[in-house]
Amino acid sequence: MGIVLKQSFNNTVITFIGFAFGAMNTLFLYTTILQPQYYGLVTFILATGAILMPIFAFGSHNALVKYYTAQSDSRKDGFLTLILFAPFLTLLPLALITWVCHESISNFLATENAIVKDYTWYIFIVGMAMAYFEVFYAWCKVHLKSVFGNFMKEVFGRLCISILLILLYFSVISLDFFLKGIVGVYVLRTTLVKLYAYYLRRPTLDFRFPNEYRAIFSYAALMVLGGSVALILLEIDKFMINKFIAIDNVAFYGVAVYIATIIAVPARSMNQITYPMTAALLNNTNFFDLEILYKKTSLTAFIAAGLLFILIVLNSQDLFQMLPEVYRGGFEIICLIGLAKVLDAILGNGNAILFYSRYYKSMLFFGIGLALLTVLLNLWLIPEMGIIGAALASFSAIVLFNTIKIAFVKIKFGFFPFTRATFRVFGCLVLIGLLFYFLQFPFHPLVNIALKSILMVLMYVGVLYRFDISEDVSGILSRFLQRRSR
């Protein structure tokens, strides 16, 4: 776990810096500078682009991670050439369809909110940029160099948007330029990570594709469905809110969801390095080390996600006091989406085990069914309950899907992510949550958040260290304490 912990730590630090910029944008700059309808428009463009991303990428980034380590050195250029050109199979036809049917597509998107109509191409370009970013980011990850790509993904884009928002606030740029600038940021981000990927290994165009190119294409095509399922579970709620209620609600919902999404930061950071490691272990049929990695990633991610969940939930009322009044509320959304993120973290590298193994087709069928269920739940609950209905639909689908994944890994591999340490962590979280639920300070909300958070973190870390619940976490704390004592 040495390289995992080192790069996971670096990625976590970078991701938290990115989320700090994101929090500044989401909670303060967007809400102060943009009217809710335009904030909702930005959220809709980015969410819809994210939904299109796996279709545009044609599963190339997943195929790159799964098959790269299985290629001989003489065949790697041919394999990388195949990966680079594979997205054209969907990009070119869909670009033509968008060009020919632009008016019809725009009218469909603008059924409830006319403001969306003029931004169809913005969505397309953002989705395309996101797709090739993931391809080049996967290129970096297979070389076990995930930190720069993670910086570009988590920090660069948010920092650039912060700058654009500040320029808009001081009237240096217009609103129209700001919206175009967001699209430009995603294109620039992709270009820079491409240059870094080529620095790690510059490909030579070689159209002598690997002998198993049919299997690679088949896997990539199925990963289009897999990626679409994952993004539907994450982003379809923002898309469907636009179809039923005023687009302002996309902004209100997006603020609450962003707060809850912070919980996913440690697991996301860890996955950048554990996913290619999982693929390599599967390719080498090293199931002994795979099970160890599965249990350790599950426990470590749960430790971090659980702490963030109680920090966010118990500080949410103070946090809402710092937001404009129209954005206050959404506590139920934070709880539902936050719990879903904790359950995602408990999976550890379980997603990688399923989607890089020979059982990925079975999971795709489950995923397609659950994606359809998510859409149906949103169709039912959004008109009935508004944005809380969207959160409930997402939570229900994610809980069911994750339960199926855990059961499937247990049945097919005999691995189970939970250990005694998992339940000890759960008990610790419940105890701290109950102790601090009734603790309220009478100071400024920011001071209250800082004080309560420091006390909870100290107690949590102290319990973990005292009872040696996780050897990886205890090892990090021991090294830190030794350095402090010198």
Protein backbone atom coordinates (compact mmCIF):
# COMPACT_ATOMS: atom_id res chain seq x y z
CA MET A 1 0.00 0.00 0.00
CA GLY A 2 3.06 2.34 0.03
CA ILE A 3 2.53 3.85 -3.43
CA VAL A 4 -1.22 3.84 -2.83
CA LEU A 5 -0.90 5.84 0.40
CA LYS A 6 1.69 8.24 -1.03
CA GLN A 7 -0.20 9.11 -4.20
CA SER A 8 -3.57 8.90 -2.44
CA PHE A 9 -2.32 11.42 0.12
CA ASN A 10 -1.03 13.74 -2.60
CA ASN A 11 -4.25 13.34 -4.55
CA THR A 12 -6.33 13.96 -1.44
CA VAL A 13 -4.47 17.19 -0.68
CA ILE A 14 -4.90 18.32 -4.30
CA THR A 15 -8.55 17.32 -4.36
CA PHE A 16 -9.28 19.20 -1.15
CA ILE A 17 -7.59 22.29 -2.61
CA GLY A 18 -9.80 21.85 -5.66
CA PHE A 19 -12.86 21.46 -3.50
CA ALA A 20 -11.87 24.60 -1.58
CA PHE A 21 -11.97 26.54 -4.85
CA GLY A 22 -15.15 24.70 -5.77
CA ALA A 23 -16.70 25.60 -2.43
CA MET A 24 -15.74 29.24 -2.92
CA ASN A 25 -17.32 29.16 -6.38
CA THR A 26 -20.41 27.15 -5.47
CA LEU A 27 -21.26 28.66 -2.10
CA PHE A 28 -20.14 32.25 -2.51
CA LEU A 29 -19.10 33.47 -5.98
CA TYR A 30 -21.82 31.81 -8.07
CA THR A 31 -24.51 32.59 -5.52
CA THR A 32 -23.45 36.24 -5.23
CA ILE A 33 -22.48 37.09 -8.82
CA LEU A 34 -24.92 35.08 -10.96
CA GLN A 35 -28.69 35.14 -10.84
CA PRO A 36 -30.07 31.70 -9.88
CA GLN A 37 -31.29 31.02 -13.45
CA TYR A 38 -27.81 31.51 -14.90
CA TYR A 39 -26.18 29.51 -12.11
CA GLY A 40 -28.71 26.79 -12.88
CA LEU A 41 -27.81 27.07 -16.57
CA VAL A 42 -24.09 26.56 -15.85
CA THR A 43 -24.89 23.55 -13.64
CA PHE A 44 -27.14 22.11 -16.35
CA ILE A 45 -24.51 22.52 -19.10
CA LEU A 46 -21.79 20.83 -17.03
CA ALA A 47 -24.06 18.03 -15.76
CA THR A 48 -25.37 17.25 -19.26
CA GLY A 49 -21.83 17.31 -20.67
CA ALA A 50 -20.82 14.83 -17.95
CA ILE A 51 -23.70 12.53 -18.92
CA LEU A 52 -22.55 12.61 -22.56
CA MET A 53 -18.87 12.07 -21.67
CA PRO A 54 -18.85 8.24 -21.56
CA ILE A 55 -20.70 8.10 -24.89
CA PHE A 56 -18.22 10.46 -26.52
CA ALA A 57 -15.23 8.62 -25.01
CA PHE A 58 -16.53 5.27 -26.32
CA GLY A 59 -15.15 3.55 -23.23
CA SER A 60 -11.57 4.21 -24.37
CA HIS A 61 -10.35 5.35 -20.95
CA ASN A 62 -11.66 2.17 -19.31
CA ALA A 63 -10.16 -0.04 -22.03
CA LEU A 64 -6.82 1.73 -21.64
CA VAL A 65 -6.65 0.93 -17.92
CA LYS A 66 -7.82 -2.67 -18.37
CA TYR A 67 -5.62 -3.73 -21.31
CA TYR A 68 -2.49 -1.56 -21.16
CA THR A 69 -0.51 -3.75 -18.75
CA ALA A 70 -1.33 -6.82 -20.87
CA GLN A 71 0.36 -5.34 -23.98
CA SER A 72 3.94 -6.17 -24.92
CA ASP A 73 6.25 -3.20 -25.53
CA SER A 74 6.17 -3.78 -29.28
CA ARG A 75 2.37 -3.61 -29.34
CA LYS A 76 1.79 -0.63 -27.06
CA ASP A 77 1.95 2.01 -29.81
CA GLY A 78 -0.65 0.16 -31.84
CA PHE A 79 -2.83 -0.17 -28.76
CA LEU A 80 -2.52 3.54 -27.89
CA THR A 81 -3.31 4.51 -31.49
CA LEU A 82 -6.46 2.43 -31.28
CA ILE A 83 -7.41 4.16 -28.01
CA LEU A 84 -6.87 7.63 -29.49
CA PHE A 85 -9.09 7.06 -32.52
CA ALA A 86 -11.83 4.95 -30.90
CA PRO A 87 -13.85 7.98 -29.64
CA PHE A 88 -14.34 9.10 -33.25
CA LEU A 89 -16.76 6.19 -33.66
CA THR A 90 -19.31 8.09 -31.58
CA LEU A 91 -18.09 11.68 -31.77
CA LEU A 92 -18.35 12.08 -35.54
CA PRO A 93 -21.88 10.63 -35.96
CA LEU A 94 -23.20 12.55 -32.96
CA ALA A 95 -21.63 15.78 -34.18
CA LEU A 96 -23.38 15.29 -37.52
CA ILE A 97 -26.70 14.54 -35.80
CA THR A 98 -26.34 17.64 -33.62
CA TRP A 99 -25.60 19.76 -36.69
CA VAL A 100 -28.56 18.46 -38.69
CA CYS A 101 -31.06 18.27 -35.82
CA HIS A 102 -29.83 21.25 -33.83
CA GLU A 103 -33.20 22.99 -33.70
CA SER A 104 -35.10 19.90 -32.57
CA ILE A 105 -32.53 19.06 -29.89
CA SER A 106 -32.53 22.65 -28.62
CA ASN A 107 -36.31 22.73 -28.41
CA PHE A 108 -36.36 19.46 -26.48
CA LEU A 109 -33.84 20.74 -23.94
CA ALA A 110 -35.74 24.02 -23.56
CA THR A 111 -39.19 22.51 -22.96
CA GLU A 112 -39.51 23.98 -19.46
CA ASN A 113 -36.73 26.61 -19.51
CA ALA A 114 -36.26 28.63 -22.71
CA ILE A 115 -32.89 29.93 -21.51
CA VAL A 116 -31.30 26.54 -22.31
CA LYS A 117 -32.09 26.65 -26.03
CA ASP A 118 -29.04 28.57 -27.24
CA TYR A 119 -26.46 26.41 -25.49
CA THR A 120 -26.67 23.01 -27.22
CA TRP A 121 -23.20 23.29 -28.76
CA TYR A 122 -21.75 24.37 -25.42
CA ILE A 123 -22.95 21.06 -23.98
CA PHE A 124 -21.49 19.11 -26.90
CA ILE A 125 -18.05 20.73 -26.70
CA VAL A 126 -17.87 20.35 -22.90
CA GLY A 127 -18.83 16.66 -23.20
CA MET A 128 -16.18 16.11 -25.91
CA ALA A 129 -13.50 17.85 -23.83
CA MET A 130 -14.43 15.80 -20.77
CA ALA A 131 -14.22 12.60 -22.83
CA TYR A 132 -10.70 13.16 -24.15
CA PHE A 133 -9.58 14.45 -20.76
CA GLU A 134 -10.51 11.06 -19.27
CA VAL A 135 -8.62 9.27 -22.05
CA PHE A 136 -5.40 11.21 -21.42
CA TYR A 137 -5.87 11.03 -17.66
CA ALA A 138 -6.13 7.23 -17.93
CA TRP A 139 -2.93 7.40 -20.01
CA CYS A 140 -1.23 8.99 -16.99
CA LYS A 141 -2.74 6.58 -14.47
CA VAL A 142 -1.49 3.43 -16.22
CA HIS A 143 2.00 4.84 -15.75
CA LEU A 144 1.13 5.29 -12.04
CA LYS A 145 1.41 9.07 -12.45
CA SER A 146 -1.96 10.34 -11.31
CA VAL A 147 -1.07 13.50 -9.38
CA PHE A 148 -0.79 16.00 -12.27
CA GLY A 149 -3.96 14.71 -13.90
CA ASN A 150 -5.75 14.94 -10.58
CA PHE A 151 -4.56 18.53 -10.21
CA MET A 152 -5.93 19.38 -13.64
CA LYS A 153 -9.21 17.65 -12.88
CA GLU A 154 -9.81 18.98 -9.39
CA VAL A 155 -7.98 22.31 -9.14
CA PHE A 156 -7.23 23.83 -12.54
CA GLY A 157 -10.78 24.07 -13.85
CA ARG A 158 -12.21 25.44 -10.61
CA LEU A 159 -9.40 27.98 -10.26
CA CYS A 160 -9.98 29.23 -13.81
CA ILE A 161 -13.72 29.52 -13.17
CA SER A 162 -13.00 31.47 -9.97
CA ILE A 163 -10.99 33.93 -12.05
CA LEU A 164 -13.76 34.18 -14.64
CA LEU A 165 -16.35 34.84 -11.93
CA ILE A 166 -14.23 37.59 -10.38
CA LEU A 167 -13.70 39.19 -13.80
CA LEU A 168 -17.46 39.02 -14.38
CA TYR A 169 -18.12 40.62 -10.98
CA PHE A 170 -15.91 43.61 -11.85
CA SER A 171 -17.49 43.83 -15.34
CA VAL A 172 -14.18 43.08 -17.07
CA ILE A 173 -15.99 40.41 -19.11
CA SER A 174 -19.62 39.99 -20.13
CA LEU A 175 -21.96 37.16 -19.12
CA ASP A 176 -21.77 35.78 -22.66
CA PHE A 177 -17.96 35.75 -22.52
CA PHE A 178 -18.11 34.06 -19.11
CA LEU A 179 -20.22 31.19 -20.48
CA LYS A 180 -17.89 30.79 -23.47
CA GLY A 181 -14.94 30.98 -21.08
CA ILE A 182 -16.22 27.98 -19.09
CA VAL A 183 -16.27 25.92 -22.28
CA GLY A 184 -12.75 27.16 -23.09
CA VAL A 185 -11.48 26.12 -19.65
CA TYR A 186 -12.54 22.50 -20.27
CA VAL A 187 -10.87 22.49 -23.69
CA LEU A 188 -7.66 23.99 -22.28
CA ARG A 189 -7.63 21.49 -19.39
CA THR A 190 -7.80 18.60 -21.86
CA THR A 191 -5.01 20.06 -23.99
CA LEU A 192 -2.65 20.41 -21.02
CA VAL A 193 -3.22 16.89 -19.69
CA LYS A 194 -2.69 15.57 -23.24
CA LEU A 195 0.74 17.25 -23.33
CA TYR A 196 1.64 15.66 -19.99
CA ALA A 197 0.44 12.23 -21.13
CA TYR A 198 2.60 12.52 -24.25
CA TYR A 199 5.53 13.54 -22.04
CA LEU A 200 5.15 10.27 -20.10
CA ARG A 201 4.95 8.23 -23.30
CA ARG A 202 4.76 9.90 -26.66
CA PRO A 203 2.93 7.54 -29.02
CA THR A 204 4.02 6.70 -32.51
CA LEU A 205 1.02 6.25 -34.78
CA ASP A 206 0.88 2.54 -35.49
CA PHE A 207 -2.20 1.11 -37.15
CA ARG A 208 -1.12 -2.47 -36.48
CA PHE A 209 -3.70 -2.90 -33.78
CA PRO A 210 -3.42 -5.63 -31.10
CA ASN A 211 -4.67 -9.07 -32.08
CA GLU A 212 -7.42 -8.83 -29.48
CA TYR A 213 -8.73 -5.53 -30.89
CA ARG A 214 -12.22 -7.03 -31.25
CA ALA A 215 -12.27 -7.86 -27.54
CA ILE A 216 -11.00 -4.34 -26.76
CA PHE A 217 -13.73 -2.76 -28.90
CA SER A 218 -16.33 -5.01 -27.33
CA TYR A 219 -15.20 -4.08 -23.84
CA ALA A 220 -15.04 -0.36 -24.70
CA ALA A 221 -18.53 -0.43 -26.20
CA LEU A 222 -19.92 -2.09 -23.10
CA MET A 223 -18.09 0.45 -20.93
CA VAL A 224 -20.04 3.15 -22.74
CA LEU A 225 -23.08 1.64 -21.06
CA GLY A 226 -21.22 1.21 -17.78
CA GLY A 227 -19.98 4.79 -17.75
CA SER A 228 -23.38 6.09 -18.80
CA VAL A 229 -25.01 4.16 -15.97
CA ALA A 230 -22.58 5.65 -13.44
CA LEU A 231 -23.10 9.20 -14.74
CA ILE A 232 -26.87 8.76 -14.92
CA LEU A 233 -26.88 7.78 -11.26
CA LEU A 234 -24.80 10.88 -10.46
CA GLU A 235 -26.03 13.58 -12.85
CA ILE A 236 -29.44 12.70 -14.29
CA ASP A 237 -31.21 14.44 -11.40
CA LYS A 238 -29.82 17.86 -12.45
CA PHE A 239 -30.84 17.21 -16.07
CA MET A 240 -34.37 16.11 -15.15
CA ILE A 241 -35.00 18.98 -12.73
CA ASN A 242 -34.66 21.26 -15.77
CA LYS A 243 -37.37 19.24 -17.54
CA PHE A 244 -40.01 19.62 -14.80
CA ILE A 245 -39.44 22.74 -12.69
CA ALA A 246 -37.76 26.14 -13.00
CA ILE A 247 -34.03 26.02 -13.75
CA ASP A 248 -33.36 28.08 -10.60
CA ASN A 249 -33.95 24.84 -8.68
CA VAL A 250 -30.96 23.26 -10.43
CA ALA A 251 -28.83 25.90 -8.72
CA PHE A 252 -30.41 25.34 -5.30
CA TYR A 253 -30.05 21.57 -5.67
CA GLY A 254 -26.49 21.90 -6.97
CA VAL A 255 -25.37 23.82 -3.87
CA ALA A 256 -26.66 21.14 -1.50
CA VAL A 257 -25.25 18.32 -3.63
CA TYR A 258 -21.84 20.00 -3.83
CA ILE A 259 -21.66 20.23 -0.05
CA ALA A 260 -22.41 16.50 0.21
CA THR A 261 -19.99 15.61 -2.60
CA ILE A 262 -17.03 16.68 -0.45
CA ILE A 263 -17.51 13.33 1.31
CA ALA A 264 -16.32 11.54 -1.83
CA VAL A 265 -12.96 13.35 -2.01
CA PRO A 266 -10.73 10.78 -0.21
CA ALA A 267 -12.22 7.79 -2.06
CA ARG A 268 -11.90 9.56 -5.41
CA SER A 269 -8.28 10.39 -4.67
CA MET A 270 -7.49 6.81 -3.68
CA ASN A 271 -9.18 5.41 -6.78
CA GLN A 272 -6.85 7.32 -9.09
CA ILE A 273 -4.04 4.92 -8.15
CA THR A 274 -5.88 1.80 -6.91
CA TYR A 275 -7.88 1.31 -10.12
CA PRO A 276 -4.86 0.63 -12.39
CA MET A 277 -3.34 -1.49 -9.60
CA THR A 278 -6.55 -3.52 -9.46
CA ALA A 279 -6.47 -4.05 -13.22
CA ALA A 280 -2.86 -5.27 -12.99
CA LEU A 281 -3.69 -7.70 -10.16
CA LEU A 282 -6.61 -9.09 -12.16
CA ASN A 283 -4.46 -9.46 -15.27
CA ASN A 284 -1.93 -11.41 -13.18
CA THR A 285 -4.68 -13.39 -11.38
CA ASN A 286 -3.19 -12.32 -8.04
CA PHE A 287 -6.37 -12.71 -6.00
CA PHE A 288 -4.59 -12.89 -2.65
CA ASP A 289 -3.24 -9.34 -2.90
CA LEU A 290 -6.47 -8.23 -4.57
CA GLU A 291 -8.50 -9.20 -1.50
CA ILE A 292 -6.07 -7.38 0.78
CA LEU A 293 -6.32 -4.27 -1.38
CA TYR A 294 -10.13 -4.53 -1.41
CA LYS A 295 -10.42 -4.64 2.38
CA LYS A 296 -7.85 -1.93 2.99
CA THR A 297 -9.29 0.51 0.46
CA SER A 298 -12.78 -0.05 1.84
CA LEU A 299 -11.74 0.60 5.43
CA THR A 300 -9.53 3.60 4.66
CA ALA A 301 -12.16 5.24 2.45
CA PHE A 302 -14.88 4.60 5.04
CA ILE A 303 -12.78 6.14 7.82
CA ALA A 304 -12.36 9.34 5.81
CA ALA A 305 -15.87 9.50 4.29
CA GLY A 306 -17.57 8.78 7.62
CA LEU A 307 -15.71 11.61 9.33
CA LEU A 308 -16.56 14.05 6.56
CA PHE A 309 -20.21 13.02 6.69
CA ILE A 310 -20.65 13.83 10.37
CA LEU A 311 -18.61 17.03 10.00
CA ILE A 312 -20.87 18.25 7.19
CA VAL A 313 -24.17 17.17 8.71
CA LEU A 314 -23.44 18.58 12.17
CA ASN A 315 -22.14 21.88 10.76
CA SER A 316 -24.75 22.32 8.04
CA GLN A 317 -26.95 24.81 9.91
CA ASP A 318 -24.01 27.13 10.57
CA LEU A 319 -22.93 26.77 6.95
CA PHE A 320 -26.39 27.71 5.68
CA GLN A 321 -26.26 30.91 7.74
CA MET A 322 -23.38 32.11 5.52
CA LEU A 323 -25.31 31.60 2.26
CA PRO A 324 -27.82 33.94 0.60
CA GLU A 325 -31.28 33.24 1.98
CA VAL A 326 -32.64 31.65 -1.21
CA TYR A 327 -29.90 28.98 -1.01
CA ARG A 328 -30.52 28.07 2.62
CA GLY A 329 -32.13 24.72 3.26
CA GLY A 330 -31.48 21.44 1.57
CA PHE A 331 -30.52 19.64 4.79
CA GLU A 332 -32.45 16.55 3.66
CA ILE A 333 -30.61 16.61 0.32
CA ILE A 334 -27.24 16.79 2.07
CA CYS A 335 -28.12 13.83 4.30
CA LEU A 336 -29.40 11.65 1.45
CA ILE A 337 -26.61 12.37 -1.03
CA GLY A 338 -24.03 12.30 1.77
CA LEU A 339 -25.08 8.83 2.90
CA ALA A 340 -24.93 7.67 -0.72
CA LYS A 341 -21.35 8.95 -0.95
CA VAL A 342 -20.39 7.10 2.24
CA LEU A 343 -21.79 3.88 0.76
CA ASP A 344 -19.76 4.51 -2.40
CA ALA A 345 -16.64 4.86 -0.26
CA ILE A 346 -17.30 1.54 1.52
CA LEU A 347 -16.99 -0.20 -1.85
CA GLY A 348 -13.26 0.60 -1.87
CA ASN A 349 -11.87 -0.62 -5.18
CA GLY A 350 -14.92 -2.87 -5.68
CA ASN A 351 -15.99 -0.99 -8.81
CA ALA A 352 -12.61 -1.66 -10.38
CA ILE A 353 -12.77 -5.37 -9.45
CA LEU A 354 -16.10 -5.69 -11.22
CA PHE A 355 -15.46 -3.60 -14.31
CA TYR A 356 -11.92 -4.86 -14.98
CA SER A 357 -12.82 -8.53 -14.48
CA ARG A 358 -14.61 -10.96 -16.79
CA TYR A 359 -17.87 -10.27 -14.95
CA TYR A 360 -18.25 -6.72 -16.21
CA LYS A 361 -21.07 -7.70 -18.59
CA SER A 362 -23.24 -8.94 -15.74
CA MET A 363 -22.78 -5.69 -13.83
CA LEU A 364 -23.69 -3.70 -16.93
CA PHE A 365 -27.04 -5.41 -17.13
CA PHE A 366 -27.71 -4.63 -13.47
CA GLY A 367 -26.56 -1.08 -14.05
CA ILE A 368 -28.81 -0.52 -17.04
CA GLY A 369 -31.79 -1.72 -15.03
CA LEU A 370 -30.93 0.59 -12.16
CA ALA A 371 -30.35 3.54 -14.49
CA LEU A 372 -33.85 3.02 -15.86
CA LEU A 373 -35.13 2.78 -12.29
CA THR A 374 -33.39 6.08 -11.48
CA VAL A 375 -35.06 7.81 -14.41
CA LEU A 376 -38.47 6.41 -13.42
CA LEU A 377 -37.99 7.48 -9.80
CA ASN A 378 -37.06 10.98 -10.94
CA LEU A 379 -40.09 11.10 -13.25
CA TRP A 380 -42.27 10.21 -10.27
CA LEU A 381 -40.62 12.04 -7.38
CA ILE A 382 -39.49 15.37 -8.90
CA PRO A 383 -43.04 16.51 -9.84
CA GLU A 384 -44.28 15.29 -6.44
CA MET A 385 -41.48 16.45 -4.11
CA GLY A 386 -39.30 18.81 -6.14
CA ILE A 387 -35.56 18.74 -5.52
CA ILE A 388 -35.92 16.57 -2.41
CA GLY A 389 -37.57 13.97 -4.67
CA ALA A 390 -34.52 14.11 -6.96
CA ALA A 391 -32.22 13.43 -3.99
CA LEU A 392 -34.40 10.56 -2.77
CA ALA A 393 -34.41 8.99 -6.24
CA SER A 394 -30.61 9.16 -6.47
CA PHE A 395 -30.14 7.82 -2.95
CA SER A 396 -32.48 4.84 -3.50
CA ALA A 397 -30.81 3.84 -6.76
CA ILE A 398 -27.25 4.16 -5.41
CA VAL A 399 -28.02 2.14 -2.27
CA LEU A 400 -29.55 -0.66 -4.32
CA PHE A 401 -26.73 -0.66 -6.89
CA ASN A 402 -23.98 -0.71 -4.25
CA THR A 403 -25.69 -3.55 -2.39
CA ILE A 404 -25.72 -5.58 -5.60
CA LYS A 405 -22.03 -4.83 -6.21
CA ILE A 406 -20.97 -5.97 -2.73
CA ALA A 407 -23.01 -9.15 -3.06
CA PHE A 408 -21.64 -9.87 -6.54
CA VAL A 409 -18.00 -9.52 -5.46
CA LYS A 410 -18.72 -11.84 -2.53
CA ILE A 411 -20.39 -14.47 -4.73
CA LYS A 412 -17.84 -14.43 -7.58
CA PHE A 413 -14.57 -13.73 -5.73
CA GLY A 414 -15.36 -14.63 -2.13
CA PHE A 415 -14.27 -11.16 -0.99
CA PHE A 416 -16.19 -9.11 1.53
CA PRO A 417 -15.14 -5.50 2.25
CA PHE A 418 -16.25 -5.42 5.87
CA THR A 419 -14.03 -6.43 8.78
CA ARG A 420 -14.30 -5.97 12.52
CA ALA A 421 -12.54 -2.66 12.06
CA THR A 422 -15.38 -1.47 9.81
CA PHE A 423 -17.91 -1.89 12.60
CA ARG A 424 -15.58 -0.28 15.12
CA VAL A 425 -15.33 2.77 12.87
CA PHE A 426 -19.12 2.81 12.51
CA GLY A 427 -19.55 2.71 16.29
CA CYS A 428 -17.02 5.50 16.72
CA LEU A 429 -18.85 7.68 14.18
CA VAL A 430 -22.22 7.11 15.87
CA LEU A 431 -20.76 7.96 19.29
CA ILE A 432 -19.13 11.18 18.08
CA GLY A 433 -22.25 12.15 16.15
CA LEU A 434 -24.45 11.76 19.23
CA LEU A 435 -22.01 13.63 21.49
CA PHE A 436 -21.72 16.65 19.19
CA TYR A 437 -25.31 16.76 17.92
CA PHE A 438 -26.41 18.89 20.87
CA LEU A 439 -23.25 20.98 21.09
CA GLN A 440 -23.83 24.50 19.76
CA PHE A 441 -21.50 27.49 20.10
CA PRO A 442 -22.89 31.05 20.22
CA PHE A 443 -20.23 32.59 17.95
CA HIS A 444 -20.04 33.51 14.27
CA PRO A 445 -21.00 30.51 12.07
CA LEU A 446 -17.46 30.22 10.69
CA VAL A 447 -15.99 30.13 14.21
CA ASN A 448 -18.61 27.58 15.28
CA ILE A 449 -17.74 25.33 12.33
CA ALA A 450 -14.02 25.56 13.05
CA LEU A 451 -14.36 24.81 16.78
CA LYS A 452 -16.76 21.91 16.41
CA SER A 453 -14.75 20.40 13.53
CA ILE A 454 -11.45 20.57 15.41
CA LEU A 455 -12.95 18.88 18.47
CA MET A 456 -14.59 16.11 16.40
CA VAL A 457 -11.44 15.43 14.37
CA LEU A 458 -9.24 15.27 17.47
CA MET A 459 -11.59 12.85 19.21
CA TYR A 460 -12.01 10.69 16.08
CA VAL A 461 -8.31 10.50 15.29
CA GLY A 462 -7.52 9.83 18.94
CA VAL A 463 -9.89 6.85 19.07
CA LEU A 464 -8.53 5.45 15.78
CA TYR A 465 -4.96 5.73 17.00
CA ARG A 466 -5.61 4.50 20.55
CA PHE A 467 -7.33 1.31 19.42
CA ASP A 468 -5.20 0.81 16.26
CA ILE A 469 -8.30 0.34 14.13
CA SER A 470 -6.49 0.76 10.80
CA GLU A 471 -2.82 -0.15 10.41
CA ASP A 472 -2.43 2.24 7.47
CA VAL A 473 -3.99 5.19 9.31
CA SER A 474 -2.10 4.33 12.52
CA GLY A 475 1.13 4.13 10.53
CA ILE A 476 0.63 7.60 9.10
CA LEU A 477 -0.23 9.03 12.51
CA SER A 478 2.81 7.33 14.11
CA ARG A 479 5.18 8.78 11.52
CA PHE A 480 3.60 12.22 11.98
CA LEU A 481 3.91 12.07 15.77
CA GLN A 482 7.52 10.88 15.55
CA ARG A 483 8.42 13.84 13.35
CA ARG A 484 6.68 16.24 15.73
CA SER A 485 8.60 14.81 18.70
CA ARG A 486 12.01 15.35 17.12
